[in-house]
C-alpha atoms as a PDB file:
ATOM      1  CA  UNK A   1       7.146 -13.187 -24.360  1.00  0.00           C
ATOM      2  CA  UNK A   2       3.428 -13.467 -24.802  1.00  0.00           C
ATOM      3  CA  UNK A   3       0.986 -10.612 -22.920  1.00  0.00           C
ATOM      4  CA  UNK A   4      -2.523 -10.690 -22.876  1.00  0.00           C
ATOM      5  CA  UNK A   5      -4.603  -7.428 -24.306  1.00  0.00           C
ATOM      6  CA  UNK A   6      -5.673  -6.838 -21.258  1.00  0.00           C
ATOM      7  CA  UNK A   7      -2.320  -6.962 -19.275  1.00  0.00           C
ATOM      8  CA  UNK A   8      -1.189  -4.732 -22.344  1.00  0.00           C
ATOM      9  CA  UNK A   9      -3.737  -2.428 -20.895  1.00  0.00           C
ATOM     10  CA  UNK A  10      -3.474  -2.346 -17.991  1.00  0.00           C
ATOM     11  CA  UNK A  11       0.670  -1.893 -18.225  1.00  0.00           C
ATOM     12  CA  UNK A  12      -0.334   1.100 -20.508  1.00  0.00           C
ATOM     13  CA  UNK A  13      -2.720   2.517 -18.009  1.00  0.00           C
ATOM     14  CA  UNK A  14      -0.261   2.167 -15.317  1.00  0.00           C
ATOM     15  CA  UNK A  15       2.688   3.915 -17.143  1.00  0.00           C
ATOM     16  CA  UNK A  16       0.814   6.675 -17.786  1.00  0.00           C
ATOM     17  CA  UNK A  17      -0.161   7.175 -13.845  1.00  0.00           C
ATOM     18  CA  UNK A  18       2.951   9.409 -12.861  1.00  0.00           C
ATOM     19  CA  UNK A  19       5.228  10.331 -16.298  1.00  0.00           C
ATOM     20  CA  UNK A  20       5.142  13.584 -14.767  1.00  0.00           C
ATOM     21  CA  UNK A  21       7.123  12.394 -12.064  1.00  0.00           C
ATOM     22  CA  UNK A  22       9.154  10.176 -13.898  1.00  0.00           C
ATOM     23  CA  UNK A  23      10.213  12.913 -16.271  1.00  0.00           C
ATOM     24  CA  UNK A  24      11.288  15.202 -12.964  1.00  0.00           C
ATOM     25  CA  UNK A  25      13.557  11.813 -11.624  1.00  0.00           C
ATOM     26  CA  UNK A  26      12.195  13.132  -8.009  1.00  0.00           C
ATOM     27  CA  UNK A  27      10.971   9.844  -7.039  1.00  0.00           C
ATOM     28  CA  UNK A  28       7.853   9.442  -7.169  1.00  0.00           C
ATOM     29  CA  UNK A  29       6.111   6.261  -7.632  1.00  0.00           C
ATOM     30  CA  UNK A  30       1.799   6.524  -7.568  1.00  0.00           C
ATOM     31  CA  UNK A  31      -0.656   8.723  -6.946  1.00  0.00           C
ATOM     32  CA  UNK A  32      -3.451   9.655  -4.742  1.00  0.00           C
ATOM     33  CA  UNK A  33      -6.641   7.882  -6.404  1.00  0.00           C
ATOM     34  CA  UNK A  34      -8.983   8.595  -3.474  1.00  0.00           C
ATOM     35  CA  UNK A  35      -9.132  10.126  -0.036  1.00  0.00           C
ATOM     36  CA  UNK A  36     -11.268  11.052   2.093  1.00  0.00           C
ATOM     37  CA  UNK A  37     -10.788  13.794   5.137  1.00  0.00           C
ATOM     38  CA  UNK A  38      -7.384  13.624   5.589  1.00  0.00           C
ATOM     39  CA  UNK A  39      -3.721  12.472   5.312  1.00  0.00           C
ATOM     40  CA  UNK A  40      -0.419  13.672   5.405  1.00  0.00           C
ATOM     41  CA  UNK A  41       2.691  13.323   3.542  1.00  0.00           C
ATOM     42  CA  UNK A  42       6.669  13.125   5.020  1.00  0.00           C
ATOM     43  CA  UNK A  43       9.027  12.782   1.969  1.00  0.00           C
ATOM     44  CA  UNK A  44      12.599  12.383   3.489  1.00  0.00           C
ATOM     45  CA  UNK A  45      14.536  15.770   4.660  1.00  0.00           C
ATOM     46  CA  UNK A  46      11.454  17.646   3.862  1.00  0.00           C
ATOM     47  CA  UNK A  47       8.237  18.465   5.998  1.00  0.00           C
ATOM     48  CA  UNK A  48       4.978  16.933   6.653  1.00  0.00           C
ATOM     49  CA  UNK A  49       2.508  18.104   4.287  1.00  0.00           C
ATOM     50  CA  UNK A  50      -0.960  17.555   3.697  1.00  0.00           C
ATOM     51  CA  UNK A  51      -1.602  15.522   0.687  1.00  0.00           C
ATOM     52  CA  UNK A  52      -4.871  16.043  -1.669  1.00  0.00           C
ATOM     53  CA  UNK A  53      -6.339  14.089  -4.702  1.00  0.00           C
ATOM     54  CA  UNK A  54      -3.970  13.175  -7.559  1.00  0.00           C
ATOM     55  CA  UNK A  55      -0.721  13.919  -5.337  1.00  0.00           C
ATOM     56  CA  UNK A  56       2.183  12.162  -6.023  1.00  0.00           C
ATOM     57  CA  UNK A  57       3.316   9.863  -3.453  1.00  0.00           C
ATOM     58  CA  UNK A  58       7.174   9.027  -2.718  1.00  0.00           C
ATOM     59  CA  UNK A  59       9.495   7.216  -3.019  1.00  0.00           C
ATOM     60  CA  UNK A  60      10.647   6.600   1.095  1.00  0.00           C
ATOM     61  CA  UNK A  61       7.912   8.676   2.056  1.00  0.00           C
ATOM     62  CA  UNK A  62       5.768   8.760   5.390  1.00  0.00           C
ATOM     63  CA  UNK A  63       2.144   8.328   4.961  1.00  0.00           C
ATOM     64  CA  UNK A  64      -0.530   8.992   7.096  1.00  0.00           C
ATOM     65  CA  UNK A  65      -3.935   9.058   7.766  1.00  0.00           C
ATOM     66  CA  UNK A  66      -6.172  10.969  10.850  1.00  0.00           C
ATOM     67  CA  UNK A  67      -8.908   9.884  12.606  1.00  0.00           C
ATOM     68  CA  UNK A  68     -12.640   9.147  10.178  1.00  0.00           C
ATOM     69  CA  UNK A  69     -10.191   9.546   6.973  1.00  0.00           C
ATOM     70  CA  UNK A  70      -8.717   6.923   4.629  1.00  0.00           C
ATOM     71  CA  UNK A  71      -6.334   6.890   1.274  1.00  0.00           C
ATOM     72  CA  UNK A  72      -5.827   5.186  -2.171  1.00  0.00           C
ATOM     73  CA  UNK A  73      -2.787   5.281  -3.542  1.00  0.00           C
ATOM     74  CA  UNK A  74      -2.321   3.782  -7.414  1.00  0.00           C
ATOM     75  CA  UNK A  75       1.237   2.789  -8.062  1.00  0.00           C
ATOM     76  CA  UNK A  76       2.856   2.952 -11.628  1.00  0.00           C
ATOM     77  CA  UNK A  77       2.579  -0.969 -11.782  1.00  0.00           C
ATOM     78  CA  UNK A  78      -1.356  -0.900 -11.098  1.00  0.00           C
ATOM     79  CA  UNK A  79      -0.860  -1.898  -7.386  1.00  0.00           C
ATOM     80  CA  UNK A  80      -3.302  -0.746  -4.606  1.00  0.00           C
ATOM     81  CA  UNK A  81      -2.618  -0.086  -1.389  1.00  0.00           C
ATOM     82  CA  UNK A  82      -5.327   1.387   1.126  1.00  0.00           C
ATOM     83  CA  UNK A  83      -4.877   3.172   3.962  1.00  0.00           C
ATOM     84  CA  UNK A  84      -7.650   3.104   6.707  1.00  0.00           C
ATOM     85  CA  UNK A  85      -8.634   5.911   9.748  1.00  0.00           C
ATOM     86  CA  UNK A  86      -5.103   6.258  11.830  1.00  0.00           C
ATOM     87  CA  UNK A  87      -2.912   4.121   9.542  1.00  0.00           C
ATOM     88  CA  UNK A  88       0.817   4.723   8.591  1.00  0.00           C
ATOM     89  CA  UNK A  89       3.190   3.523   6.421  1.00  0.00           C
ATOM     90  CA  UNK A  90       6.386   3.950   4.570  1.00  0.00           C
ATOM     91  CA  UNK A  91       7.324   3.216   0.464  1.00  0.00           C
ATOM     92  CA  UNK A  92      10.381   2.088   1.038  1.00  0.00           C
ATOM     93  CA  UNK A  93      11.534   1.039  -2.715  1.00  0.00           C
ATOM     94  CA  UNK A  94       9.406   1.219  -6.368  1.00  0.00           C
ATOM     95  CA  UNK A  95      11.252   0.780  -9.158  1.00  0.00           C
ATOM     96  CA  UNK A  96       8.912  -0.420 -12.108  1.00  0.00           C
ATOM     97  CA  UNK A  97       9.801  -1.045 -16.083  1.00  0.00           C
ATOM     98  CA  UNK A  98       6.349  -1.255 -17.355  1.00  0.00           C
ATOM     99  CA  UNK A  99       8.116  -2.051 -20.656  1.00  0.00           C
ATOM    100  CA  UNK A 100      10.042  -4.923 -19.297  1.00  0.00           C
ATOM    101  CA  UNK A 101       8.087  -5.529 -16.855  1.00  0.00           C
ATOM    102  CA  UNK A 102      10.311  -5.418 -14.343  1.00  0.00           C
ATOM    103  CA  UNK A 103      11.140  -4.007 -11.015  1.00  0.00           C
ATOM    104  CA  UNK A 104      10.931  -4.210  -7.107  1.00  0.00           C
ATOM    105  CA  UNK A 105       8.165  -3.029  -4.346  1.00  0.00           C
ATOM    106  CA  UNK A 106       8.854  -2.770  -0.562  1.00  0.00           C
ATOM    107  CA  UNK A 107       6.161  -0.999   1.708  1.00  0.00           C
ATOM    108  CA  UNK A 108       6.095  -1.198   5.286  1.00  0.00           C
ATOM    109  CA  UNK A 109       3.067  -0.885   7.560  1.00  0.00           C
ATOM    110  CA  UNK A 110       3.511   0.738  11.118  1.00  0.00           C
ATOM    111  CA  UNK A 111       0.092   1.191  12.369  1.00  0.00           C
ATOM    112  CA  UNK A 112      -3.371   0.574  11.655  1.00  0.00           C
ATOM    113  CA  UNK A 113      -5.557  -1.306   8.588  1.00  0.00           C
ATOM    114  CA  UNK A 114      -4.589  -1.399   4.943  1.00  0.00           C
ATOM    115  CA  UNK A 115      -6.218  -3.301   1.795  1.00  0.00           C
ATOM    116  CA  UNK A 116      -3.431  -4.418  -0.477  1.00  0.00           C
ATOM    117  CA  UNK A 117      -3.641  -5.348  -4.457  1.00  0.00           C
ATOM    118  CA  UNK A 118      -0.934  -6.471  -6.346  1.00  0.00           C
ATOM    119  CA  UNK A 119      -0.470  -4.887  -9.851  1.00  0.00           C
ATOM    120  CA  UNK A 120       2.124  -5.645 -12.647  1.00  0.00           C
ATOM    121  CA  UNK A 121       5.320  -6.373 -10.853  1.00  0.00           C
ATOM    122  CA  UNK A 122       6.705  -9.519 -10.493  1.00  0.00           C
ATOM    123  CA  UNK A 123       5.250 -11.115  -7.319  1.00  0.00           C
ATOM    124  CA  UNK A 124       8.849 -12.596  -6.019  1.00  0.00           C
ATOM    125  CA  UNK A 125       9.495  -8.872  -6.223  1.00  0.00           C
ATOM    126  CA  UNK A 126       7.031  -7.388  -3.770  1.00  0.00           C
ATOM    127  CA  UNK A 127       7.638  -7.295   0.029  1.00  0.00           C
ATOM    128  CA  UNK A 128       5.684  -5.881   2.661  1.00  0.00           C
ATOM    129  CA  UNK A 129       6.830  -5.478   6.418  1.00  0.00           C
ATOM    130  CA  UNK A 130       4.518  -5.388   9.525  1.00  0.00           C
ATOM    131  CA  UNK A 131       6.317  -5.093  12.894  1.00  0.00           C
ATOM    132  CA  UNK A 132       5.998  -8.483  13.498  1.00  0.00           C
ATOM    133  CA  UNK A 133       6.563  -9.968  10.028  1.00  0.00           C
ATOM    134  CA  UNK A 134       6.869 -10.037   6.637  1.00  0.00           C
ATOM    135  CA  UNK A 135       4.907 -11.122   3.526  1.00  0.00           C
ATOM    136  CA  UNK A 136       5.984 -11.981  -0.512  1.00  0.00           C
ATOM    137  CA  UNK A 137       2.938 -12.427  -2.616  1.00  0.00           C
ATOM    138  CA  UNK A 138       1.509 -14.428  -5.191  1.00  0.00           C
ATOM    139  CA  UNK A 139      -1.095 -12.392  -6.891  1.00  0.00           C
ATOM    140  CA  UNK A 140      -2.665 -11.181  -4.145  1.00  0.00           C
ATOM    141  CA  UNK A 141      -5.459  -8.818  -2.266  1.00  0.00           C
ATOM    142  CA  UNK A 142      -4.659  -8.391   1.698  1.00  0.00           C
ATOM    143  CA  UNK A 143      -6.328  -7.189   4.296  1.00  0.00           C
ATOM    144  CA  UNK A 144      -3.804  -6.403   7.371  1.00  0.00           C
ATOM    145  CA  UNK A 145      -4.985  -4.794  10.532  1.00  0.00           C
ATOM    146  CA  UNK A 146      -2.297  -3.945  13.422  1.00  0.00           C
ATOM    147  CA  UNK A 147      -3.269  -2.861  16.748  1.00  0.00           C
ATOM    148  CA  UNK A 148      -0.929  -0.091  18.483  1.00  0.00           C
ATOM    149  CA  UNK A 149       0.303  -3.334  20.728  1.00  0.00           C
ATOM    150  CA  UNK A 150       2.347  -4.259  17.363  1.00  0.00           C
ATOM    151  CA  UNK A 151       0.057  -7.436  16.674  1.00  0.00           C
ATOM    152  CA  UNK A 152      -1.572  -8.179  13.729  1.00  0.00           C
ATOM    153  CA  UNK A 153      -4.514  -9.688  12.050  1.00  0.00           C
ATOM    154  CA  UNK A 154      -3.946 -10.504   8.250  1.00  0.00           C
ATOM    155  CA  UNK A 155      -6.398 -11.979   5.835  1.00  0.00           C
ATOM    156  CA  UNK A 156      -5.859 -13.486   2.114  1.00  0.00           C
ATOM    157  CA  UNK A 157      -8.887 -12.333  -0.088  1.00  0.00           C
ATOM    158  CA  UNK A 158      -7.599 -13.693  -3.199  1.00  0.00           C
ATOM    159  CA  UNK A 159      -4.239 -15.717  -4.678  1.00  0.00           C
ATOM    160  CA  UNK A 160      -1.839 -16.501  -1.486  1.00  0.00           C
ATOM    161  CA  UNK A 161       0.323 -14.878   1.043  1.00  0.00           C
ATOM    162  CA  UNK A 162       3.869 -15.769   2.017  1.00  0.00           C
ATOM    163  CA  UNK A 163       3.969 -14.868   5.936  1.00  0.00           C
ATOM    164  CA  UNK A 164       7.722 -14.996   7.384  1.00  0.00           C
ATOM    165  CA  UNK A 165       7.489 -14.389  11.246  1.00  0.00           C
ATOM    166  CA  UNK A 166      10.450 -12.898  12.378  1.00  0.00           C
ATOM    167  CA  UNK A 167       9.811 -14.790  15.990  1.00  0.00           C
ATOM    168  CA  UNK A 168      10.348 -18.326  13.709  1.00  0.00           C
ATOM    169  CA  UNK A 169      12.118 -19.637  11.116  1.00  0.00           C
ATOM    170  CA  UNK A 170       9.739 -21.278   9.198  1.00  0.00           C
ATOM    171  CA  UNK A 171       7.078 -19.233   6.813  1.00  0.00           C
ATOM    172  CA  UNK A 172       3.365 -20.023   6.494  1.00  0.00           C
ATOM    173  CA  UNK A 173       1.077 -19.799   3.387  1.00  0.00           C
ATOM    174  CA  UNK A 174      -1.829 -18.014   3.857  1.00  0.00           C
ATOM    175  CA  UNK A 175      -4.649 -19.027   0.951  1.00  0.00           C
ATOM    176  CA  UNK A 176      -7.521 -17.300  -0.284  1.00  0.00           C
ATOM    177  CA  UNK A 177     -10.371 -17.390   2.673  1.00  0.00           C
ATOM    178  CA  UNK A 178      -7.951 -17.954   5.442  1.00  0.00           C
ATOM    179  CA  UNK A 179      -6.680 -15.472   8.138  1.00  0.00           C
ATOM    180  CA  UNK A 180      -3.618 -15.661  10.406  1.00  0.00           C
ATOM    181  CA  UNK A 181      -2.644 -14.090  13.853  1.00  0.00           C
ATOM    182  CA  UNK A 182       0.762 -12.752  14.440  1.00  0.00           C
ATOM    183  CA  UNK A 183       1.599 -11.058  17.680  1.00  0.00           C
ATOM    184  CA  UNK A 184       4.320  -8.087  18.256  1.00  0.00           C
ATOM    185  CA  UNK A 185       6.652 -11.181  19.533  1.00  0.00           C
ATOM    186  CA  UNK A 186       6.635 -12.283  15.749  1.00  0.00           C
ATOM    187  CA  UNK A 187       5.057 -15.671  16.535  1.00  0.00           C
ATOM    188  CA  UNK A 188       2.167 -17.162  15.440  1.00  0.00           C
ATOM    189  CA  UNK A 189      -1.205 -17.061  17.428  1.00  0.00           C
ATOM    190  CA  UNK A 190      -2.352 -20.575  16.812  1.00  0.00           C
ATOM    191  CA  UNK A 191      -2.689 -21.820  13.364  1.00  0.00           C
ATOM    192  CA  UNK A 192      -4.385 -20.120  10.361  1.00  0.00           C
ATOM    193  CA  UNK A 193      -8.060 -19.972   9.934  1.00  0.00           C
ATOM    194  CA  UNK A 194     -10.656 -20.512   7.380  1.00  0.00           C
ATOM    195  CA  UNK A 195     -13.123 -17.375   7.733  1.00  0.00           C
ATOM    196  CA  UNK A 196     -13.595 -14.284   6.205  1.00  0.00           C
ATOM    197  CA  UNK A 197     -11.668 -11.090   8.036  1.00  0.00           C
ATOM    198  CA  UNK A 198     -14.362  -7.919   8.781  1.00  0.00           C
ATOM    199  CA  UNK A 199     -12.190  -5.438   9.385  1.00  0.00           C
ATOM    200  CA  UNK A 200     -12.593  -2.674  11.742  1.00  0.00           C
ATOM    201  CA  UNK A 201     -11.933   0.177   9.864  1.00  0.00           C
ATOM    202  CA  UNK A 202     -15.037   1.248   7.551  1.00  0.00           C
ATOM    203  CA  UNK A 203     -12.520   2.498   4.592  1.00  0.00           C
ATOM    204  CA  UNK A 204     -11.224  -1.159   4.039  1.00  0.00           C
ATOM    205  CA  UNK A 205     -14.097  -3.621   5.016  1.00  0.00           C
ATOM    206  CA  UNK A 206     -16.048  -1.729   2.715  1.00  0.00           C
ATOM    207  CA  UNK A 207     -14.283   1.356   0.486  1.00  0.00           C
ATOM    208  CA  UNK A 208     -14.033   4.804   0.595  1.00  0.00           C
ATOM    209  CA  UNK A 209     -17.337   5.655  -0.867  1.00  0.00           C
ATOM    210  CA  UNK A 210     -18.863   3.702   2.102  1.00  0.00           C
ATOM    211  CA  UNK A 211     -16.563   5.407   4.415  1.00  0.00           C
ATOM    212  CA  UNK A 212     -17.474   8.877   3.162  1.00  0.00           C
ATOM    213  CA  UNK A 213     -21.016   8.119   2.875  1.00  0.00           C
ATOM    214  CA  UNK A 214     -20.730   7.259   7.196  1.00  0.00           C
ATOM    215  CA  UNK A 215     -17.821   9.797   8.407  1.00  0.00           C
ATOM    216  CA  UNK A 216     -19.066  12.940   8.432  1.00  0.00           C
ATOM    217  CA  UNK A 217     -17.046  14.807   5.913  1.00  0.00           C
ATOM    218  CA  UNK A 218     -14.468  17.442   7.334  1.00  0.00           C
ATOM    219  CA  UNK A 219     -12.469  18.751   4.082  1.00  0.00           C
ATOM    220  CA  UNK A 220     -14.311  18.353   0.468  1.00  0.00           C
ATOM    221  CA  UNK A 221     -11.987  15.488  -1.949  1.00  0.00           C
ATOM    222  CA  UNK A 222     -10.374  18.073  -4.469  1.00  0.00           C
ATOM    223  CA  UNK A 223      -7.152  18.413  -6.742  1.00  0.00           C
ATOM    224  CA  UNK A 224      -4.265  20.828  -5.765  1.00  0.00           C
ATOM    225  CA  UNK A 225      -4.399  23.874  -7.746  1.00  0.00           C
ATOM    226  CA  UNK A 226      -0.346  23.742  -7.720  1.00  0.00           C
ATOM    227  CA  UNK A 227       0.989  20.674  -8.550  1.00  0.00           C
ATOM    228  CA  UNK A 228       3.184  18.980  -5.362  1.00  0.00           C
ATOM    229  CA  UNK A 229       6.564  18.533  -6.556  1.00  0.00           C
ATOM    230  CA  UNK A 230       9.486  16.676  -3.539  1.00  0.00           C
ATOM    231  CA  UNK A 231      11.757  19.740  -3.383  1.00  0.00           C
ATOM    232  CA  UNK A 232      15.095  17.355  -2.271  1.00  0.00           C
ATOM    233  CA  UNK A 233      15.673  15.870  -5.369  1.00  0.00           C
ATOM    234  CA  UNK A 234      15.447  11.878  -5.039  1.00  0.00           C
ATOM    235  CA  UNK A 235      18.932  10.251  -5.604  1.00  0.00           C
ATOM    236  CA  UNK A 236      18.248   6.769  -6.417  1.00  0.00           C
ATOM    237  CA  UNK A 237      20.601   4.877  -4.479  1.00  0.00           C
ATOM    238  CA  UNK A 238      21.091   2.216  -7.240  1.00  0.00           C
ATOM    239  CA  UNK A 239      22.361   4.202  -9.840  1.00  0.00           C
END
């Protein structure tokens, strides 16, 4: 199948992102590309550990940010997930074969504010879960906010998102420029609306550099002297 030079360069860069992690087969699926203040990671069966710039992100890891803090993870296919302040997610699944351009990604967002940008993975194999709904993508950039009560407001910045509310049978296609609200009961709150969603999180609305300029910097951005390594060897259940 023909692939453009731009696509091939993107795949090559993505494949180079976590070579050491892949060699260890410890479940690392990406790396921290940028961080403001404090974030923590908790792989299954291991203690909660503070995350630093360029740390690997692991399969099935719980990732959290503190107040006035944010984190950007870049996955091996080039997809990006930004967590705003006081946010939490779990990297449920990530499998990517750069040579065959195949694999799957599943991320569970549990609270806070997020920006997701898709990468080289086939879009039909990407799934993002929130408390009241699951969504699929079609070449997409999304902004998602989850309230402490579990309600969700989501905006499609580019491409399309396919929302599947848990309390309804029908799915909803949300095109670029539209916003959809889903209540904690898994039902849509009105129809999708054409408007630009302004995220309450500075990091999500304006990016980590703007957040860094406006928040008190309580911790310098730094790379760990000794690479963070998952202590319990990851076993791929699909093998």
